[in-house]
Amino acid sequence: MLNIYRIHKTETNASALYELSLENIENDSWFKLVKPTSEELTTVSEITKVPMDFLTAALDENEHSRIDFEDDYLLVIINIPLIIDKNRFDTMPLGIIITREHCITISLKENKIMDSFMQLNIKNFSTSRKTHFLFLVLLKTAEHYLRYMRYINHLTDDLELSLRKSMENKGLFQLFELERSLVYFITALKDNNAVMEKILRLRKSKIIEHLLIINEEDEELLEDVIIENKQAIEMVEMHSNILGGMMDAFASIISNNLNIVMKFLTSVTILLAIPTMISSFWGMNVDVPFGGHSGGFIFVGIFASIITALAFVLLWKRKMF
């Protein structure tokens, strides 16, 4: 899907969005590509003169975060977070291409990060400020990682409460899915951090200063981005360590809960076996005490009850109940 937009500030400093057609392309347009067809990629390549390998780079699900550039094109690929379902998270490549005239974003799926720019709730956002746009995408990405980490923390707390009394493996599988998601997160965040560090080096070396036009406000924004990303890395690493310890602990708890149940059932089985065994003795076809007595059944029942009670007291003192 291909959409073309132009967003600029009005006289009241509010952002206004205009959707453009292929017939009325303007400078400072934003080409938003989501799971594009080969025809759409060809069209964008012809309009913007961006090489096809730049446009298709972010369409590889396993693409790592990186920077590539030529004389008039800058490609930045980062990995953004996605929610697959309640307990599963993943990452996805997002490509941002900056040229002298336009900016292009490419992704395999719709995502909340790019949708936030469509809602016009980002202060001082304009597609004419391409470097600012790039840094805002990086900032929103780090913020979404932190937001998802808070959500994962909430899920972990709920799972912790349910696993305290659980004897099933379902909760452990959910924890495993969360831990695997954190592995994806920490890998993506560290790769994104490497991209930001390379942007700093490129800015200082002035190799592509005609594409990365950075003013004082953009420098402050980049610093905020780096801080947010490092906070996200620290939070993910901390929660990954906690989840790893929780899985080991709750695996032991589930096993212990099962042992407690088995211990209780074993004790009940022993108590039920005592009167059964005694009644079996008096049911033999041989001479037994009280065999001809009219109250023999009562005597046997009382005897079995006394033995069972003694066994119960003995098991109770050994904390088998």
Protein backbone atom coordinates (compact mmCIF):
# COMPACT_ATOMS: atom_id res chain seq x y z
CA MET A 1 0.00 0.00 0.00
CA LEU A 2 1.31 3.42 -0.97
CA ASN A 3 0.16 6.70 0.55
CA ILE A 4 1.74 10.09 -0.04
CA TYR A 5 1.42 12.89 2.51
CA ARG A 6 2.70 16.33 3.20
CA ILE A 7 2.56 17.64 6.75
CA HIS A 8 3.49 21.19 7.66
CA LYS A 9 2.86 23.71 10.41
CA THR A 10 0.13 26.29 10.01
CA GLU A 11 0.23 29.87 11.24
CA THR A 12 -1.03 28.69 14.63
CA ASN A 13 1.86 26.15 14.86
CA ALA A 14 -0.62 23.28 14.46
CA SER A 15 0.20 20.49 12.02
CA ALA A 16 -1.87 20.08 8.88
CA LEU A 17 -1.87 16.89 6.81
CA TYR A 18 -2.49 16.74 3.09
CA GLU A 19 -2.77 13.53 1.13
CA LEU A 20 -1.25 13.79 -2.32
CA SER A 21 -1.75 11.81 -5.49
CA LEU A 22 0.88 10.61 -7.92
CA GLU A 23 -0.09 13.43 -10.24
CA ASN A 24 0.60 16.28 -7.82
CA ILE A 25 3.76 15.29 -5.96
CA GLU A 26 5.35 18.17 -4.06
CA ASN A 27 8.73 18.60 -2.47
CA ASP A 28 8.99 17.51 1.17
CA SER A 29 6.45 14.73 0.59
CA TRP A 30 6.28 11.63 2.77
CA PHE A 31 5.94 8.34 0.88
CA LYS A 32 4.43 5.83 3.32
CA LEU A 33 4.84 2.28 2.04
CA VAL A 34 3.26 -0.64 3.92
CA LYS A 35 3.76 -4.11 2.44
CA PRO A 36 4.22 -2.54 -0.99
CA THR A 37 3.74 -4.32 -4.29
CA SER A 38 6.50 -4.44 -6.88
CA GLU A 39 4.55 -1.90 -8.95
CA GLU A 40 4.41 0.54 -6.03
CA LEU A 41 8.13 0.12 -5.38
CA THR A 42 8.88 0.78 -9.03
CA THR A 43 6.69 3.88 -9.01
CA VAL A 44 8.37 5.33 -5.92
CA SER A 45 11.82 4.52 -7.30
CA GLU A 46 11.03 6.34 -10.55
CA ILE A 47 9.66 9.42 -8.75
CA THR A 48 12.33 9.74 -6.05
CA LYS A 49 15.26 8.19 -7.98
CA VAL A 50 16.01 6.01 -4.93
CA PRO A 51 17.72 2.69 -5.88
CA MET A 52 15.46 -0.35 -5.66
CA ASP A 53 17.79 -2.15 -3.23
CA PHE A 54 17.30 0.73 -0.76
CA LEU A 55 13.52 0.39 -1.03
CA THR A 56 13.47 -3.39 -0.58
CA ALA A 57 16.01 -3.57 2.27
CA ALA A 58 13.41 -3.15 5.03
CA LEU A 59 11.12 -5.79 3.51
CA ASP A 60 13.36 -8.59 4.81
CA GLU A 61 11.91 -9.81 8.13
CA ASN A 62 15.38 -10.70 9.39
CA GLU A 63 17.04 -7.40 8.45
CA HIS A 64 19.15 -5.89 11.24
CA SER A 65 19.28 -2.21 12.11
CA ARG A 66 21.84 -0.40 9.99
CA ILE A 67 22.69 2.73 8.02
CA ASP A 68 23.56 2.93 4.37
CA PHE A 69 24.00 5.96 2.14
CA GLU A 70 24.96 7.15 -1.28
CA ASP A 71 25.51 10.67 -2.52
CA ASP A 72 21.86 11.76 -2.40
CA TYR A 73 20.16 9.02 -0.36
CA LEU A 74 20.33 8.02 3.28
CA LEU A 75 18.81 4.70 4.42
CA VAL A 76 18.20 4.04 8.11
CA ILE A 77 16.75 0.68 9.16
CA ILE A 78 15.63 0.17 12.73
CA ASN A 79 13.64 -2.58 14.43
CA ILE A 80 10.35 -1.57 16.03
CA PRO A 81 8.22 -3.54 18.54
CA LEU A 82 5.00 -5.34 17.67
CA ILE A 83 2.30 -7.07 19.70
CA ILE A 84 1.46 -10.49 18.22
CA ASP A 85 -1.03 -11.50 20.92
CA LYS A 86 -1.49 -11.08 24.66
CA ASN A 87 1.74 -12.86 25.66
CA ARG A 88 3.77 -12.63 22.46
CA PHE A 89 5.79 -9.72 21.16
CA ASP A 90 8.11 -9.43 18.19
CA THR A 91 10.13 -6.86 16.27
CA MET A 92 9.91 -5.72 12.65
CA PRO A 93 12.27 -3.76 10.40
CA LEU A 94 11.26 -0.20 9.55
CA GLY A 95 13.12 1.63 6.81
CA ILE A 96 13.44 5.41 6.67
CA ILE A 97 14.95 6.89 3.52
CA ILE A 98 15.90 10.55 3.32
CA THR A 99 16.58 12.30 0.04
CA ARG A 100 17.07 15.97 -0.76
CA GLU A 101 13.40 16.33 -1.72
CA HIS A 102 11.44 13.59 0.07
CA CYS A 103 11.33 11.11 2.92
CA ILE A 104 10.15 7.51 2.57
CA THR A 105 9.12 4.97 5.21
CA ILE A 106 8.80 1.27 4.41
CA SER A 107 7.43 -1.53 6.59
CA LEU A 108 5.89 -4.97 6.22
CA LYS A 109 2.89 -4.18 8.43
CA GLU A 110 0.91 -1.28 9.76
CA ASN A 111 2.33 -0.16 13.09
CA LYS A 112 1.44 2.23 15.88
CA ILE A 113 4.67 4.20 15.55
CA MET A 114 3.94 5.49 12.07
CA ASP A 115 0.24 5.83 12.87
CA SER A 116 1.14 8.30 15.62
CA PHE A 117 2.46 10.69 12.96
CA MET A 118 -0.84 10.44 11.11
CA GLN A 119 -2.74 11.58 14.20
CA LEU A 120 -0.95 14.96 14.17
CA ASN A 121 -0.35 14.86 17.92
CA ILE A 122 3.42 15.32 17.67
CA LYS A 123 4.60 18.82 18.45
CA ASN A 124 6.45 20.76 15.72
CA PHE A 125 6.27 17.91 13.23
CA SER A 126 6.67 18.70 9.57
CA THR A 127 7.77 16.52 6.64
CA SER A 128 9.98 19.38 5.45
CA ARG A 129 12.27 18.76 8.46
CA LYS A 130 13.50 15.35 7.36
CA THR A 131 16.23 14.91 9.97
CA HIS A 132 13.78 15.94 12.68
CA PHE A 133 11.34 13.37 11.27
CA LEU A 134 14.00 10.65 11.48
CA PHE A 135 14.84 11.48 15.09
CA LEU A 136 11.14 11.57 16.01
CA VAL A 137 10.71 8.07 14.59
CA LEU A 138 13.66 6.89 16.70
CA LEU A 139 12.19 8.57 19.78
CA LYS A 140 8.72 7.06 19.25
CA THR A 141 10.32 3.65 18.79
CA ALA A 142 12.14 3.86 22.14
CA GLU A 143 8.97 5.12 23.84
CA HIS A 144 6.97 2.17 22.48
CA TYR A 145 9.58 -0.27 23.76
CA LEU A 146 9.22 1.29 27.23
CA ARG A 147 5.42 1.21 26.95
CA TYR A 148 5.43 -2.47 26.01
CA MET A 149 7.82 -3.20 28.86
CA ARG A 150 5.35 -1.69 31.33
CA TYR A 151 2.66 -3.88 29.81
CA ILE A 152 4.89 -6.96 30.07
CA ASN A 153 5.59 -6.06 33.70
CA HIS A 154 1.84 -5.97 34.35
CA LEU A 155 1.40 -9.38 32.67
CA THR A 156 4.25 -10.78 34.75
CA ASP A 157 2.62 -9.62 37.99
CA ASP A 158 -0.65 -11.32 37.00
CA LEU A 159 1.15 -14.53 36.08
CA GLU A 160 3.05 -14.47 39.35
CA LEU A 161 -0.18 -14.43 41.34
CA SER A 162 -1.71 -17.28 39.33
CA LEU A 163 1.43 -19.44 39.44
CA ARG A 164 1.69 -19.38 43.24
CA LYS A 165 -1.09 -21.97 43.47
CA SER A 166 -0.80 -23.52 40.04
CA MET A 167 0.07 -27.12 39.22
CA GLU A 168 -0.07 -26.67 35.43
CA ASN A 169 2.59 -25.73 32.91
CA LYS A 170 0.44 -23.17 31.09
CA GLY A 171 1.76 -20.26 33.15
CA LEU A 172 5.35 -21.36 32.57
CA PHE A 173 4.77 -21.43 28.81
CA GLN A 174 3.40 -17.89 29.02
CA LEU A 175 6.50 -16.78 30.93
CA PHE A 176 8.65 -18.49 28.30
CA GLU A 177 6.89 -16.53 25.53
CA LEU A 178 7.49 -13.28 27.41
CA GLU A 179 11.15 -14.12 27.99
CA ARG A 180 11.61 -14.91 24.30
CA SER A 181 9.98 -11.59 23.42
CA LEU A 182 12.46 -9.80 25.67
CA VAL A 183 15.33 -11.48 23.82
CA TYR A 184 13.97 -10.00 20.58
CA PHE A 185 13.60 -6.62 22.29
CA ILE A 186 17.10 -6.46 23.71
CA THR A 187 18.65 -7.49 20.38
CA ALA A 188 16.66 -4.87 18.48
CA LEU A 189 17.37 -2.12 21.02
CA LYS A 190 21.11 -2.73 20.96
CA ASP A 191 21.10 -2.70 17.17
CA ASN A 192 19.10 0.54 17.21
CA ASN A 193 21.60 2.00 19.65
CA ALA A 194 24.42 1.17 17.24
CA VAL A 195 22.53 3.07 14.54
CA MET A 196 22.25 6.14 16.76
CA GLU A 197 25.94 6.05 17.56
CA LYS A 198 26.74 5.86 13.86
CA ILE A 199 24.48 8.87 13.23
CA LEU A 200 26.56 10.77 15.78
CA ARG A 201 29.77 9.78 14.03
CA LEU A 202 28.39 10.73 10.63
CA ARG A 203 27.25 14.08 11.95
CA LYS A 204 30.69 14.87 13.33
CA SER A 205 32.46 13.67 10.19
CA LYS A 206 30.11 15.74 8.00
CA ILE A 207 30.08 13.04 5.33
CA ILE A 208 26.38 13.44 4.64
CA GLU A 209 25.69 16.84 6.14
CA HIS A 210 23.63 17.74 3.04
CA LEU A 211 21.16 15.00 4.09
CA LEU A 212 21.46 15.11 7.90
CA ILE A 213 20.72 18.76 8.48
CA ILE A 214 20.89 19.06 12.26
CA ASN A 215 20.09 22.25 14.15
CA GLU A 216 20.24 22.87 17.89
CA GLU A 217 16.74 21.51 18.48
CA ASP A 218 17.57 18.34 16.56
CA GLU A 219 20.72 17.82 18.64
CA GLU A 220 18.67 17.98 21.84
CA LEU A 221 16.14 15.58 20.33
CA LEU A 222 18.89 13.10 19.39
CA GLU A 223 20.23 13.25 22.94
CA ASP A 224 16.73 12.48 24.25
CA VAL A 225 16.46 9.58 21.83
CA ILE A 226 19.75 8.07 23.01
CA ILE A 227 18.73 8.44 26.66
CA GLU A 228 15.31 6.86 26.06
CA ASN A 229 16.87 3.97 24.14
CA LYS A 230 19.41 3.30 26.89
CA GLN A 231 16.64 3.33 29.49
CA ALA A 232 14.74 0.82 27.39
CA ILE A 233 17.83 -1.41 27.14
CA GLU A 234 18.34 -1.32 30.92
CA MET A 235 14.67 -2.05 31.59
CA VAL A 236 14.56 -4.98 29.16
CA GLU A 237 17.76 -6.49 30.57
CA MET A 238 16.45 -6.14 34.13
CA HIS A 239 13.10 -7.77 33.30
CA SER A 240 14.82 -10.51 31.30
CA ASN A 241 16.91 -11.43 34.35
CA ILE A 242 13.83 -11.32 36.57
CA LEU A 243 11.82 -13.52 34.19
CA GLY A 244 14.66 -16.04 33.97
CA GLY A 245 14.74 -16.31 37.77
CA MET A 246 10.93 -16.46 37.96
CA MET A 247 10.76 -19.36 35.52
CA ASP A 248 13.20 -21.39 37.60
CA ALA A 249 11.45 -20.46 40.84
CA PHE A 250 7.93 -21.20 39.62
CA ALA A 251 9.01 -24.46 38.01
CA SER A 252 10.12 -25.51 41.50
CA ILE A 253 6.91 -24.12 43.04
CA ILE A 254 4.70 -26.07 40.62
CA SER A 255 6.68 -29.23 41.34
CA ASN A 256 6.40 -28.56 45.07
CA ASN A 257 2.64 -27.94 44.82
CA LEU A 258 2.26 -31.24 43.02
CA ASN A 259 4.32 -33.00 45.69
CA ILE A 260 2.06 -31.55 48.39
CA VAL A 261 -1.03 -32.87 46.63
CA MET A 262 0.57 -36.28 46.12
CA LYS A 263 1.58 -36.37 49.79
CA PHE A 264 -1.99 -35.60 50.84
CA LEU A 265 -3.44 -38.23 48.51
CA THR A 266 -0.92 -40.79 49.76
CA SER A 267 -1.90 -40.09 53.37
CA VAL A 268 -5.61 -40.44 52.53
CA THR A 269 -4.87 -43.70 50.72
CA ILE A 270 -3.06 -45.04 53.80
CA LEU A 271 -5.98 -44.12 56.08
CA LEU A 272 -8.49 -45.76 53.73
CA ALA A 273 -6.32 -48.86 53.45
CA ILE A 274 -6.33 -49.55 57.22
CA PRO A 275 -10.09 -50.35 57.67
CA THR A 276 -10.06 -52.16 54.33
CA MET A 277 -7.19 -54.36 55.48
CA ILE A 278 -8.79 -55.08 58.87
CA SER A 279 -12.18 -55.90 57.37
CA SER A 280 -10.42 -58.20 54.90
CA PHE A 281 -8.90 -60.19 57.77
CA TRP A 282 -12.34 -60.67 59.36
CA GLY A 283 -13.79 -61.67 56.03
CA MET A 284 -11.64 -64.79 55.70
CA ASN A 285 -13.25 -68.23 55.73
CA VAL A 286 -11.40 -69.23 58.92
CA ASP A 287 -12.06 -68.87 62.61
CA VAL A 288 -11.53 -65.25 63.74
CA PRO A 289 -12.10 -63.45 67.05
CA PHE A 290 -15.75 -62.43 67.58
CA GLY A 291 -16.66 -64.71 64.68
CA GLY A 292 -19.74 -66.07 66.46
CA HIS A 293 -20.51 -63.01 68.56
CA SER A 294 -23.61 -60.98 67.72
CA GLY A 295 -21.74 -57.70 68.25
CA GLY A 296 -18.66 -58.75 66.29
CA PHE A 297 -19.26 -56.21 63.51
CA ILE A 298 -19.37 -53.35 66.03
CA PHE A 299 -16.20 -54.54 67.75
CA VAL A 300 -14.35 -54.82 64.42
CA GLY A 301 -15.61 -51.38 63.35
CA ILE A 302 -14.47 -49.78 66.61
CA PHE A 303 -11.07 -51.51 66.38
CA ALA A 304 -10.58 -50.34 62.78
CA SER A 305 -11.61 -46.80 63.74
CA ILE A 306 -9.12 -46.70 66.63
CA ILE A 307 -6.25 -47.93 64.43
CA THR A 308 -7.21 -45.43 61.71
CA ALA A 309 -7.35 -42.58 64.23
CA LEU A 310 -3.93 -43.50 65.59
CA ALA A 311 -2.55 -43.56 62.04
CA PHE A 312 -4.15 -40.16 61.38
CA VAL A 313 -2.52 -38.65 64.48
CA LEU A 314 0.84 -40.13 63.50
CA LEU A 315 0.59 -38.74 59.94
CA TRP A 316 -0.62 -35.37 61.20
CA LYS A 317 2.35 -35.05 63.55
CA ARG A 318 4.62 -35.79 60.60
CA LYS A 319 2.85 -32.96 58.70
CA MET A 320 1.49 -35.26 56.04
CA PHE A 321 -1.73 -33.20 55.96
